[in-house]
Protein backbone atom coordinates (compact mmCIF):
# COMPACT_ATOMS: atom_id res chain seq x y z
CA MET A 1 -33.02 -53.65 -65.50
CA GLN A 2 -30.08 -55.03 -67.41
CA SER A 3 -32.08 -57.34 -69.67
CA GLN A 4 -34.47 -54.54 -70.48
CA PHE A 5 -31.52 -52.53 -71.65
CA MET A 6 -30.06 -55.46 -73.79
CA GLN A 7 -33.59 -55.64 -75.31
CA LYS A 8 -33.30 -52.12 -76.26
CA LEU A 9 -30.06 -52.59 -77.71
CA ALA A 10 -31.27 -55.46 -79.76
CA PHE A 11 -34.36 -53.53 -80.83
CA ALA A 12 -32.18 -50.48 -81.97
CA GLY A 13 -30.14 -52.96 -84.12
CA ILE A 14 -26.94 -52.24 -82.18
CA ALA A 15 -24.17 -54.80 -82.23
CA GLY A 16 -22.35 -55.84 -79.21
CA SER A 17 -23.24 -56.38 -75.53
CA LEU A 18 -23.90 -53.96 -72.67
CA ALA A 19 -20.10 -54.46 -71.66
CA SER A 20 -18.80 -53.47 -75.18
CA ALA A 21 -21.37 -50.78 -76.33
CA GLY A 22 -19.67 -47.28 -76.92
CA PRO A 23 -21.24 -44.05 -75.84
CA CYS A 24 -23.21 -43.68 -78.90
CA ASP A 25 -24.47 -47.17 -78.77
CA ILE A 26 -25.76 -46.40 -75.28
CA TYR A 27 -27.37 -43.13 -76.48
CA ALA A 28 -29.19 -44.84 -79.38
CA SER A 29 -30.50 -47.43 -76.98
CA GLY A 30 -32.31 -44.42 -75.38
CA ASN A 31 -33.81 -43.28 -78.59
CA THR A 32 -31.52 -40.20 -78.37
CA PRO A 33 -28.97 -41.21 -81.14
CA CYS A 34 -25.70 -39.31 -81.74
CA ILE A 35 -25.81 -36.94 -84.64
CA ALA A 36 -22.17 -35.86 -84.12
CA ALA A 37 -19.34 -37.90 -82.37
CA HIS A 38 -15.95 -36.51 -82.08
CA SER A 39 -12.81 -38.05 -80.50
CA THR A 40 -9.10 -38.29 -81.32
CA THR A 41 -8.47 -40.83 -78.37
CA ARG A 42 -10.86 -43.71 -79.30
CA ALA A 43 -13.91 -45.05 -81.21
CA LEU A 44 -17.32 -43.95 -79.79
CA TYR A 45 -19.31 -46.87 -81.28
CA ASP A 46 -18.70 -50.68 -80.71
CA ASN A 47 -18.34 -51.31 -84.43
CA TYR A 48 -16.59 -48.13 -85.52
CA SER A 49 -13.50 -48.76 -87.68
CA GLY A 50 -13.25 -45.71 -89.53
CA SER A 51 -10.91 -42.61 -89.25
CA LEU A 52 -10.85 -40.59 -86.06
CA TYR A 53 -8.81 -37.61 -87.22
CA GLN A 54 -6.44 -36.33 -89.63
CA ILE A 55 -2.97 -34.99 -89.35
CA LYS A 56 -0.65 -32.95 -91.37
CA ARG A 57 3.09 -32.90 -91.15
CA GLY A 58 5.25 -29.77 -91.43
CA SER A 59 8.17 -31.42 -93.54
CA ASP A 60 6.03 -31.75 -96.66
CA GLN A 61 2.54 -30.80 -95.69
CA THR A 62 1.25 -34.43 -96.36
CA THR A 63 -1.72 -35.63 -94.49
CA ALA A 64 -2.69 -38.83 -93.04
CA ASP A 65 -5.80 -40.30 -91.23
CA VAL A 66 -5.51 -41.97 -87.75
CA GLY A 67 -8.12 -44.65 -86.96
CA PRO A 68 -8.56 -47.07 -84.00
CA VAL A 69 -6.33 -49.95 -83.65
CA SER A 70 -8.92 -52.07 -84.20
CA THR A 71 -12.86 -51.94 -84.54
CA GLY A 72 -14.33 -49.87 -81.73
CA SER A 73 -10.93 -49.46 -79.94
CA VAL A 74 -8.31 -46.96 -78.99
CA ALA A 75 -6.65 -44.55 -81.61
CA ASN A 76 -3.47 -46.01 -83.34
CA ALA A 77 -1.09 -43.52 -81.75
CA ALA A 78 1.85 -45.35 -83.09
CA SER A 79 0.76 -44.58 -86.58
CA GLN A 80 0.77 -41.07 -85.92
CA ASP A 81 4.12 -41.13 -84.01
CA GLU A 82 5.72 -42.89 -87.13
CA PHE A 83 4.21 -40.65 -89.60
CA CYS A 84 5.35 -37.47 -87.74
CA LYS A 85 8.71 -38.73 -86.91
CA GLY A 86 11.37 -35.87 -87.15
CA THR A 87 8.95 -33.18 -87.83
CA THR A 88 5.86 -31.40 -86.42
CA CYS A 89 2.28 -32.35 -87.11
CA VAL A 90 -1.15 -30.60 -86.50
CA ILE A 91 -4.69 -31.94 -86.34
CA THR A 92 -6.53 -30.85 -89.56
CA ILE A 93 -9.90 -32.85 -89.25
CA ILE A 94 -11.67 -34.34 -86.31
CA TYR A 95 -13.92 -36.63 -88.09
CA ASP A 96 -17.68 -37.33 -87.10
CA GLN A 97 -18.10 -41.04 -86.21
CA SER A 98 -21.75 -40.70 -86.20
CA GLY A 99 -22.34 -40.97 -90.24
CA HIS A 100 -23.82 -37.60 -90.48
CA GLY A 101 -20.66 -36.00 -91.91
CA ASN A 102 -20.43 -33.45 -89.21
CA HIS A 103 -16.61 -33.14 -89.30
CA LEU A 104 -14.58 -30.43 -87.47
CA THR A 105 -12.20 -28.43 -89.45
CA GLN A 106 -10.05 -25.11 -88.87
CA ALA A 107 -12.42 -22.37 -87.65
CA PRO A 108 -12.92 -19.35 -89.84
CA PRO A 109 -12.89 -15.78 -88.54
CA GLY A 110 -16.06 -14.42 -86.99
CA GLY A 111 -17.85 -11.34 -85.57
CA ALA A 112 -15.54 -11.13 -82.41
CA ALA A 113 -12.16 -11.98 -83.76
CA ARG A 114 -10.07 -13.04 -86.87
CA GLY A 115 -7.61 -15.94 -86.32
CA PRO A 116 -3.75 -15.16 -86.96
CA ASP A 117 -3.52 -18.05 -89.50
CA GLN A 118 -4.46 -18.43 -93.20
CA ASP A 119 -6.90 -15.67 -94.08
CA GLY A 120 -7.99 -15.05 -90.65
CA PHE A 121 -8.59 -18.70 -89.74
CA ASP A 122 -7.71 -20.03 -86.12
CA TYR A 123 -4.74 -21.98 -85.38
CA LEU A 124 -4.65 -25.75 -85.60
CA ALA A 125 -3.80 -27.88 -82.54
CA SER A 126 -0.75 -29.69 -82.23
CA ALA A 127 -1.00 -33.38 -82.65
CA ILE A 128 1.16 -34.12 -79.59
CA GLY A 129 0.13 -31.59 -77.09
CA ALA A 130 -2.14 -33.78 -74.99
CA PRO A 131 -0.78 -37.42 -74.66
CA VAL A 132 -3.07 -39.96 -72.49
CA THR A 133 -3.52 -43.66 -72.14
CA LEU A 134 -6.65 -45.46 -72.21
CA ASN A 135 -6.60 -48.87 -70.58
CA GLY A 136 -2.88 -48.45 -70.73
CA GLN A 137 -2.82 -47.76 -74.54
CA LYS A 138 -1.39 -44.40 -75.79
CA ALA A 139 -3.58 -41.86 -77.44
CA TYR A 140 -3.70 -38.12 -78.16
CA GLY A 141 -6.20 -35.55 -77.24
CA VAL A 142 -6.78 -31.95 -78.81
CA PHE A 143 -4.88 -29.21 -76.82
CA ILE A 144 -6.49 -25.99 -77.63
CA SER A 145 -4.19 -22.93 -77.13
CA PRO A 146 -5.52 -19.35 -77.32
CA PHE A 147 -6.44 -18.60 -81.05
CA THR A 148 -6.92 -22.20 -81.78
CA GLY A 149 -10.37 -23.50 -82.80
CA TYR A 150 -12.48 -26.13 -85.00
CA ARG A 151 -15.90 -25.63 -86.64
CA ASN A 152 -18.58 -27.02 -88.89
CA ASP A 153 -21.00 -24.34 -90.21
CA GLN A 154 -22.82 -26.69 -92.55
CA PRO A 155 -24.17 -29.26 -90.04
CA ASN A 156 -26.47 -32.14 -90.84
CA GLY A 157 -29.01 -33.19 -88.36
CA THR A 158 -28.03 -30.98 -85.34
CA ALA A 159 -30.80 -29.30 -83.23
CA THR A 160 -32.22 -26.07 -84.39
CA GLY A 161 -34.60 -23.54 -82.92
CA ASP A 162 -35.82 -24.81 -79.68
CA ALA A 163 -35.37 -28.53 -80.58
CA PRO A 164 -34.00 -31.02 -77.78
CA GLU A 165 -30.55 -32.14 -77.70
CA GLY A 166 -28.03 -33.31 -75.49
CA MET A 167 -24.15 -33.39 -75.42
CA TYR A 168 -21.21 -34.35 -73.45
CA ALA A 169 -17.30 -33.84 -73.61
CA VAL A 170 -14.25 -35.18 -71.66
CA PHE A 171 -12.00 -32.41 -70.83
CA ASP A 172 -8.63 -31.83 -68.96
CA GLY A 173 -9.94 -30.28 -65.70
CA THR A 174 -6.58 -28.61 -65.01
CA HIS A 175 -6.18 -26.85 -68.40
CA TYR A 176 -8.51 -23.77 -68.51
CA ASN A 177 -8.51 -19.97 -68.32
CA THR A 178 -10.93 -17.02 -68.08
CA GLY A 179 -10.76 -16.51 -71.81
CA CYS A 180 -13.93 -16.57 -73.79
CA CYS A 181 -14.81 -19.40 -74.87
CA PHE A 182 -13.56 -23.00 -74.58
CA ASP A 183 -16.92 -24.42 -75.87
CA TYR A 184 -17.98 -27.64 -77.36
CA GLY A 185 -21.43 -27.80 -78.96
CA ASN A 186 -24.25 -25.93 -81.06
CA ALA A 187 -23.52 -22.41 -82.29
CA GLU A 188 -24.22 -20.00 -85.17
CA THR A 189 -23.87 -20.87 -88.66
CA ASP A 190 -22.60 -17.54 -89.68
CA ASN A 191 -19.97 -17.06 -86.86
CA THR A 192 -21.71 -13.90 -85.54
CA ASP A 193 -23.60 -12.98 -82.33
CA PRO A 194 -27.17 -12.30 -83.28
CA GLY A 195 -28.51 -12.41 -79.94
CA ASN A 196 -29.43 -14.43 -76.79
CA GLY A 197 -30.22 -18.00 -77.07
CA TYR A 198 -28.63 -18.78 -80.34
CA MET A 199 -26.28 -21.31 -79.32
CA GLU A 200 -26.18 -24.08 -76.69
CA ALA A 201 -22.71 -25.45 -75.87
CA ILE A 202 -20.76 -26.78 -72.99
CA TYR A 203 -18.31 -24.15 -71.54
CA PHE A 204 -15.35 -25.05 -69.28
CA GLY A 205 -13.38 -22.50 -67.40
CA THR A 206 -13.60 -19.82 -65.05
CA GLY A 207 -16.02 -17.54 -67.03
CA ASP A 208 -15.19 -14.63 -69.43
CA GLY A 209 -13.78 -12.43 -66.79
CA SER A 210 -17.19 -10.41 -66.38
CA GLY A 211 -18.19 -11.98 -63.12
CA HIS A 212 -21.16 -13.21 -64.72
CA GLY A 213 -21.45 -16.95 -65.05
CA THR A 214 -19.99 -18.46 -61.83
CA GLY A 215 -20.45 -21.31 -59.27
CA SER A 216 -18.97 -22.06 -55.85
CA GLY A 217 -15.40 -21.72 -55.22
CA SER A 218 -12.95 -20.35 -57.48
CA GLY A 219 -13.51 -22.37 -60.48
CA PRO A 220 -13.29 -23.85 -63.19
CA TRP A 221 -16.92 -24.80 -63.51
CA ILE A 222 -18.97 -26.62 -66.23
CA MET A 223 -21.36 -24.08 -67.63
CA ALA A 224 -23.50 -23.52 -70.82
CA ASP A 225 -22.90 -21.01 -73.42
CA LEU A 226 -26.27 -19.72 -74.44
CA GLU A 227 -24.87 -16.71 -76.23
CA ASN A 228 -24.20 -13.27 -74.48
CA GLY A 229 -23.91 -15.40 -71.26
CA LEU A 230 -22.19 -18.16 -69.71
CA PHE A 231 -24.61 -19.86 -67.37
CA SER A 232 -24.12 -22.06 -64.42
CA GLY A 233 -27.90 -22.47 -63.86
CA ARG A 234 -30.81 -20.24 -64.14
CA ASP A 235 -29.50 -17.08 -62.47
CA HIS A 236 -27.38 -14.69 -64.85
CA ILE A 237 -24.57 -14.39 -62.07
CA ASN A 238 -24.19 -17.30 -59.85
CA ASN A 239 -25.47 -20.83 -59.13
CA PRO A 240 -23.84 -21.79 -55.60
CA ALA A 241 -24.88 -25.77 -56.44
CA ASN A 242 -22.49 -25.53 -59.52
CA PRO A 243 -19.20 -26.65 -57.89
CA THR A 244 -15.53 -26.06 -58.71
CA ILE A 245 -14.61 -29.15 -60.55
CA ASN A 246 -10.87 -29.76 -61.39
CA ALA A 247 -10.42 -33.48 -61.63
CA ARG A 248 -7.69 -34.48 -64.12
CA PHE A 249 -10.43 -35.71 -66.39
CA VAL A 250 -13.74 -34.09 -66.23
CA THR A 251 -17.09 -35.50 -67.77
CA ALA A 252 -19.19 -32.33 -68.58
CA ILE A 253 -22.81 -32.54 -69.82
CA VAL A 254 -25.29 -30.01 -71.17
CA LYS A 255 -28.86 -30.78 -72.49
CA GLY A 256 -31.81 -28.79 -73.38
CA GLU A 257 -35.57 -28.98 -74.57
CA PRO A 258 -38.31 -26.31 -74.61
CA ASN A 259 -37.96 -24.17 -71.42
CA HIS A 260 -35.93 -26.86 -69.71
CA TRP A 261 -32.26 -27.70 -69.46
CA ALA A 262 -29.44 -29.13 -67.18
CA ILE A 263 -25.88 -29.30 -66.47
CA ARG A 264 -24.36 -32.45 -65.10
CA GLY A 265 -20.83 -33.44 -64.59
CA GLY A 266 -18.35 -35.80 -62.71
CA ASP A 267 -14.96 -37.23 -62.64
CA GLY A 268 -14.24 -38.89 -65.91
CA ALA A 269 -11.70 -41.21 -64.36
CA GLY A 270 -13.96 -42.45 -61.61
CA GLY A 271 -17.22 -41.99 -59.76
CA SER A 272 -20.64 -41.01 -60.89
CA LEU A 273 -22.27 -37.84 -62.55
CA SER A 274 -23.92 -35.18 -60.31
CA THR A 275 -26.65 -32.94 -61.44
CA PHE A 276 -25.59 -28.97 -60.87
CA TYR A 277 -28.62 -27.60 -62.41
CA ASP A 278 -32.08 -28.98 -63.61
CA GLY A 279 -34.69 -26.45 -64.50
CA VAL A 280 -36.15 -23.71 -66.53
CA ARG A 281 -34.20 -21.39 -69.11
CA PRO A 282 -32.90 -18.18 -67.81
CA ASP A 283 -35.01 -15.18 -68.71
CA GLY A 284 -34.09 -12.46 -71.02
CA GLY A 285 -34.41 -14.26 -74.46
CA TYR A 286 -33.45 -17.74 -73.75
CA TYR A 287 -36.81 -19.18 -74.23
CA PRO A 288 -37.74 -20.18 -76.91
CA MET A 289 -34.17 -20.94 -77.97
CA LYS A 290 -33.03 -19.94 -81.49
CA LYS A 291 -30.18 -22.43 -82.07
CA GLN A 292 -28.84 -22.54 -85.60
CA GLY A 293 -27.00 -25.97 -85.24
CA ALA A 294 -23.32 -25.21 -86.24
CA ILE A 295 -20.70 -27.34 -84.27
CA LEU A 296 -17.53 -25.79 -82.62
CA LEU A 297 -14.82 -26.60 -80.50
CA GLY A 298 -12.50 -24.33 -78.52
CA VAL A 299 -14.05 -21.07 -79.43
CA GLY A 300 -17.33 -19.01 -78.82
CA GLY A 301 -20.18 -18.79 -81.14
CA ASP A 302 -18.79 -15.36 -82.72
CA ASN A 303 -15.17 -16.98 -82.94
CA SER A 304 -14.20 -15.57 -79.59
CA ASN A 305 -10.97 -17.42 -79.48
CA ARG A 306 -8.83 -16.40 -76.56
CA ALA A 307 -9.69 -19.56 -74.46
CA GLN A 308 -7.56 -22.75 -73.62
CA GLY A 309 -8.54 -26.34 -72.68
CA THR A 310 -7.97 -29.88 -73.71
CA PHE A 311 -10.62 -32.09 -75.58
CA TYR A 312 -10.69 -35.69 -75.58
CA GLU A 313 -14.11 -36.84 -76.71
CA GLY A 314 -17.65 -35.50 -77.12
CA VAL A 315 -20.95 -36.05 -78.66
CA MET A 316 -24.15 -34.37 -79.61
CA THR A 317 -27.49 -35.96 -79.79
CA SER A 318 -31.04 -35.83 -81.31
CA GLY A 319 -33.49 -35.50 -78.49
CA TYR A 320 -33.03 -35.00 -74.79
CA PRO A 321 -31.11 -37.99 -73.08
CA SER A 322 -32.35 -39.26 -69.71
CA ASP A 323 -30.11 -39.27 -66.63
CA ASP A 324 -30.09 -42.95 -66.63
CA ILE A 325 -28.54 -43.03 -70.24
CA GLU A 326 -26.02 -40.41 -69.27
CA ASN A 327 -25.05 -42.40 -66.12
CA ARG A 328 -24.30 -45.40 -68.41
CA VAL A 329 -22.26 -43.26 -70.62
CA GLN A 330 -20.24 -41.99 -67.55
CA ALA A 331 -19.58 -45.63 -66.68
CA ASN A 332 -18.26 -46.26 -70.18
CA ILE A 333 -16.02 -43.41 -69.91
CA VAL A 334 -14.61 -44.59 -66.53
CA ALA A 335 -14.20 -47.96 -68.12
CA ALA A 336 -12.00 -46.38 -70.77
CA ARG A 337 -9.59 -45.74 -67.87
CA TYR A 338 -8.17 -42.36 -69.00
CA ALA A 339 -4.80 -41.58 -67.35
CA PRO A 340 -2.14 -39.12 -68.01
CA ALA A 341 0.99 -39.74 -70.20
CA SER A 342 4.40 -38.10 -70.16
CA LEU A 343 4.54 -34.96 -72.12
CA ASN A 344 8.32 -35.45 -72.77
CA SER A 345 9.54 -37.52 -75.53
CA GLY A 346 13.22 -36.65 -75.69
CA PRO A 347 16.28 -36.83 -73.41
CA ALA A 348 15.21 -35.80 -69.91
CA PHE A 349 16.72 -32.65 -68.11
CA ARG A 350 18.03 -33.50 -64.54
CA LEU A 351 16.04 -31.23 -61.93
CA GLY A 352 18.38 -28.92 -60.20
CA SER A 353 21.20 -29.36 -62.55
CA SER A 354 22.93 -26.32 -64.43
CA VAL A 355 22.83 -26.56 -68.29
CA ALA A 356 24.02 -24.73 -71.37
CA LEU A 357 22.09 -24.98 -74.49
CA ARG A 358 24.04 -24.70 -77.71
CA VAL A 359 22.57 -23.80 -81.22
CA THR A 360 22.96 -26.57 -83.88
CA THR A 361 22.17 -24.66 -87.02
CA PRO A 362 25.59 -24.78 -89.14
CA CYS A 363 25.46 -20.95 -89.34
CA CYS A 364 25.68 -20.49 -85.58
CA SER A 365 26.82 -23.51 -83.84
CA THR A 366 29.23 -21.71 -81.57
CA ARG A 367 26.29 -19.62 -80.03
CA TYR A 368 24.35 -20.43 -76.94
CA ILE A 369 21.11 -19.41 -75.42
CA THR A 370 21.82 -16.48 -73.04
CA HIS A 371 20.13 -13.24 -71.94
CA ASN A 372 20.88 -9.48 -72.03
CA GLY A 373 18.72 -8.64 -69.15
CA THR A 374 15.29 -8.99 -70.31
CA GLU A 375 15.29 -10.62 -73.64
CA VAL A 376 16.50 -14.33 -74.20
CA VAL A 377 19.11 -14.26 -77.24
CA THR A 378 22.04 -16.20 -78.50
CA GLU A 379 25.64 -15.39 -78.15
CA VAL A 380 29.06 -16.91 -78.84
CA VAL A 381 30.28 -18.36 -75.65
CA ASN A 382 33.72 -20.29 -75.26
CA SER A 383 36.45 -20.98 -72.62
CA SER A 384 37.61 -17.54 -73.02
CA SER A 385 34.38 -15.72 -72.51
CA ASP A 386 34.21 -13.57 -69.35
CA ALA A 387 32.62 -14.98 -66.31
CA GLY A 388 29.54 -12.75 -66.50
CA LEU A 389 28.67 -14.23 -69.91
CA LYS A 390 29.15 -17.71 -68.88
CA GLN A 391 26.67 -17.24 -66.07
CA ARG A 392 24.22 -15.69 -68.36
CA ALA A 393 24.40 -18.67 -70.53
CA SER A 394 23.73 -21.17 -67.72
CA TRP A 395 20.39 -22.17 -66.64
CA THR A 396 19.06 -24.21 -63.58
CA VAL A 397 16.48 -26.88 -64.41
CA ARG A 398 13.28 -26.66 -62.37
CA GLN A 399 10.12 -28.67 -62.22
CA GLY A 400 7.59 -27.12 -64.53
CA LEU A 401 5.83 -24.20 -62.91
CA GLY A 402 2.72 -24.71 -64.82
CA ASN A 403 2.93 -28.58 -65.35
CA SER A 404 5.16 -30.61 -62.90
CA ASP A 405 5.74 -33.21 -65.93
CA CYS A 406 7.78 -30.49 -67.74
CA TYR A 407 10.56 -27.99 -67.04
CA SER A 408 11.18 -24.36 -66.22
CA PHE A 409 14.56 -22.63 -66.73
CA GLU A 410 15.93 -20.29 -63.95
CA SER A 411 18.54 -17.85 -64.68
CA VAL A 412 21.90 -18.70 -62.87
CA ASP A 413 22.93 -15.05 -62.69
CA SER A 414 19.46 -13.83 -61.70
CA PRO A 415 17.96 -16.21 -59.19
CA GLY A 416 14.18 -16.06 -59.13
CA GLN A 417 13.87 -15.01 -62.77
CA PHE A 418 12.79 -17.60 -65.39
CA ILE A 419 12.61 -18.02 -69.03
CA ARG A 420 9.05 -17.41 -70.14
CA HIS A 421 7.42 -16.41 -73.60
CA SER A 422 5.56 -13.05 -73.97
CA ASN A 423 4.10 -12.26 -77.47
CA TYR A 424 5.89 -15.30 -78.69
CA GLN A 425 9.35 -14.00 -77.73
CA LEU A 426 11.22 -15.62 -74.89
CA MET A 427 11.91 -13.18 -71.93
CA LEU A 428 13.57 -13.33 -68.68
CA ASN A 429 11.29 -12.03 -66.05
CA ALA A 430 10.91 -12.56 -62.30
CA ASN A 431 8.41 -15.21 -61.21
CA ASP A 432 5.16 -13.45 -59.94
CA ASN A 433 3.52 -16.81 -58.93
CA SER A 434 0.52 -16.07 -61.48
CA LYS A 435 -1.12 -18.86 -63.30
CA LEU A 436 -0.26 -17.20 -66.41
CA PHE A 437 3.36 -16.79 -65.65
CA HIS A 438 3.71 -20.47 -64.46
CA GLU A 439 2.14 -21.58 -67.71
CA ASP A 440 4.23 -19.20 -69.83
CA ALA A 441 7.39 -20.46 -68.19
CA THR A 442 6.80 -24.20 -68.71
CA PHE A 443 8.45 -26.01 -71.57
CA CYS A 444 8.55 -29.64 -72.53
CA SER A 445 11.50 -31.95 -73.90
CA GLU A 446 11.36 -33.58 -77.38
CA ALA A 447 13.94 -35.46 -79.41
CA GLY A 448 15.67 -33.09 -81.54
CA LEU A 449 13.78 -32.49 -84.81
CA SER A 450 17.00 -32.55 -86.62
CA GLY A 451 17.89 -35.93 -85.49
CA GLN A 452 20.20 -35.10 -82.57
CA ALA A 453 19.93 -33.56 -79.01
CA ASN A 454 16.91 -31.77 -77.91
CA SER A 455 14.05 -29.63 -78.88
CA ILE A 456 12.10 -27.74 -76.52
CA ARG A 457 8.53 -26.78 -77.05
CA SER A 458 5.93 -24.69 -75.01
CA TRP A 459 3.53 -26.47 -72.73
CA SER A 460 0.75 -23.85 -73.28
CA TYR A 461 1.25 -23.36 -77.14
CA PRO A 462 2.68 -26.84 -78.04
CA THR A 463 2.97 -26.17 -81.84
CA ARG A 464 5.61 -23.82 -80.95
CA TYR A 465 9.31 -24.42 -80.26
CA TRP A 466 12.41 -22.50 -78.85
CA ARG A 467 13.89 -21.05 -82.03
CA HIS A 468 16.78 -18.63 -82.71
CA PHE A 469 15.96 -16.15 -85.36
CA ASN A 470 18.44 -13.21 -85.98
CA ALA A 471 20.06 -13.90 -82.61
CA VAL A 472 16.81 -13.53 -80.66
CA VAL A 473 14.74 -16.70 -79.43
CA TYR A 474 11.13 -16.95 -79.88
CA ILE A 475 8.52 -19.78 -79.63
CA ALA A 476 8.01 -20.46 -83.47
CA SER A 477 5.62 -22.60 -85.28
CA ASN A 478 6.71 -24.80 -88.42
CA GLY A 479 5.05 -22.24 -90.74
CA GLY A 480 3.00 -19.48 -89.53
CA PRO A 481 2.06 -15.88 -89.76
CA HIS A 482 5.34 -14.45 -88.49
CA ASP A 483 8.83 -14.18 -89.99
CA PHE A 484 10.29 -16.38 -87.21
CA ASP A 485 7.74 -18.93 -88.19
CA SER A 486 9.29 -19.74 -91.53
CA PRO A 487 9.73 -23.30 -92.30
CA SER A 488 13.24 -22.83 -93.73
CA VAL A 489 16.08 -24.64 -91.75
CA PHE A 490 13.20 -24.96 -88.80
CA ASN A 491 14.55 -28.37 -87.56
CA ASP A 492 17.97 -27.22 -87.28
CA ASP A 493 16.91 -23.89 -85.56
CA VAL A 494 14.90 -25.63 -82.98
CA THR A 495 17.46 -28.25 -81.89
CA TYR A 496 19.99 -27.71 -79.25
CA VAL A 497 22.96 -29.55 -77.64
CA VAL A 498 22.60 -29.80 -73.93
CA SER A 499 25.84 -29.80 -71.88
CA ALA A 500 26.68 -28.98 -68.31
CA GLY A 501 26.25 -25.24 -67.57
CA PHE A 502 29.11 -22.92 -67.73
CA ALA A 503 28.49 -21.76 -64.13
């Protein structure tokens, strides 16, 4: 079997051995070549040495491309870290490694939603929101928060109509929600919803909240977005053979050909693939398919953009890949040895300690983060302040409620109440133990953007940092649609000196 596979590699003109072949080399050996190959973490061909993605920094809006450390290897995260030092960075382009030019850029508005950014475009992802290692080498994935998305509406070589295709993606199995739709794959070219069967994309999450499109357990599930329906199998409602899958790294596969399609998946860090569905198309307009071939990431076909998830790598193929080829791709993904990396890059907080957080902006350096009952604000606090104010300006550091690698901040004077963001403003609310609250109340530490102390960013919206603005504290981005997103003195406004709490 191995020698036959090597003969196929040689016949296809693919350099390298079976051991060094990348996912797209493997697909090509099965006569189902990649027509789109996207990854911010590594090269997906053994001989690829071009750019993986482009970043833009907030300090001067300059862009830079990030490529692999060497041909066919892991992304050069060190070059990104150096370029973004002392400022913020977002991912502006995810390059197509296949040579077809199917690059992913900022998603435009669609029939379902306009994004909050430039002219209704969706947000761009933080360049540092999803750190990982591959075989011990640091890289960054694409952390999709609600209203964030990428798209290519002028594709080259993708499947249209009922033509066969395959696709896989590697996701973070712990980062998901019920929003629609965290997709990667084939979609409409005009960003509208013209009807059933106009798209074929991998979806990961717990459905759109309608109760349609579910598997066994409570989710999340690998499903297919075929437009006007998330499908876990042929049935429009439920496929009990499609299991909840929440490994830290998930390999998700959807593939389709005339009146036949399949869902497969597995643990991207170890083990083999399983088939969750393999059969005919759903009824109701899904055969023949009417695919239009656009490529999207993080949003639905009509720009439904309230989902969240994390993407590390993925491809789309010409032709319907065999299970054997996909199994070899899975072995390659496992061999890449994806592993989590720390979300914190600044001075660590000590769990259980009481801290005070002092503003560093020259105008306001005697002010501390405190609260007035429900709003998180800044007030002048000093040794002569009353005991009540000193308590309100003191916070107990807890393990992150939504991600244990980061932090949550509990009020000293109101135990059980935590700082969380709501509509971009920091509030003090009681922990209701919901998934949403836990995520809203989780924040990560970063070396202070002004060159001193700490900056604190939202885990669930990693482009956004704690920022004081007119004495009220928000999660703010370095440029954006709100007044509190102003880039003016941004680095100072998001930097805080951490000291022992007053109480």
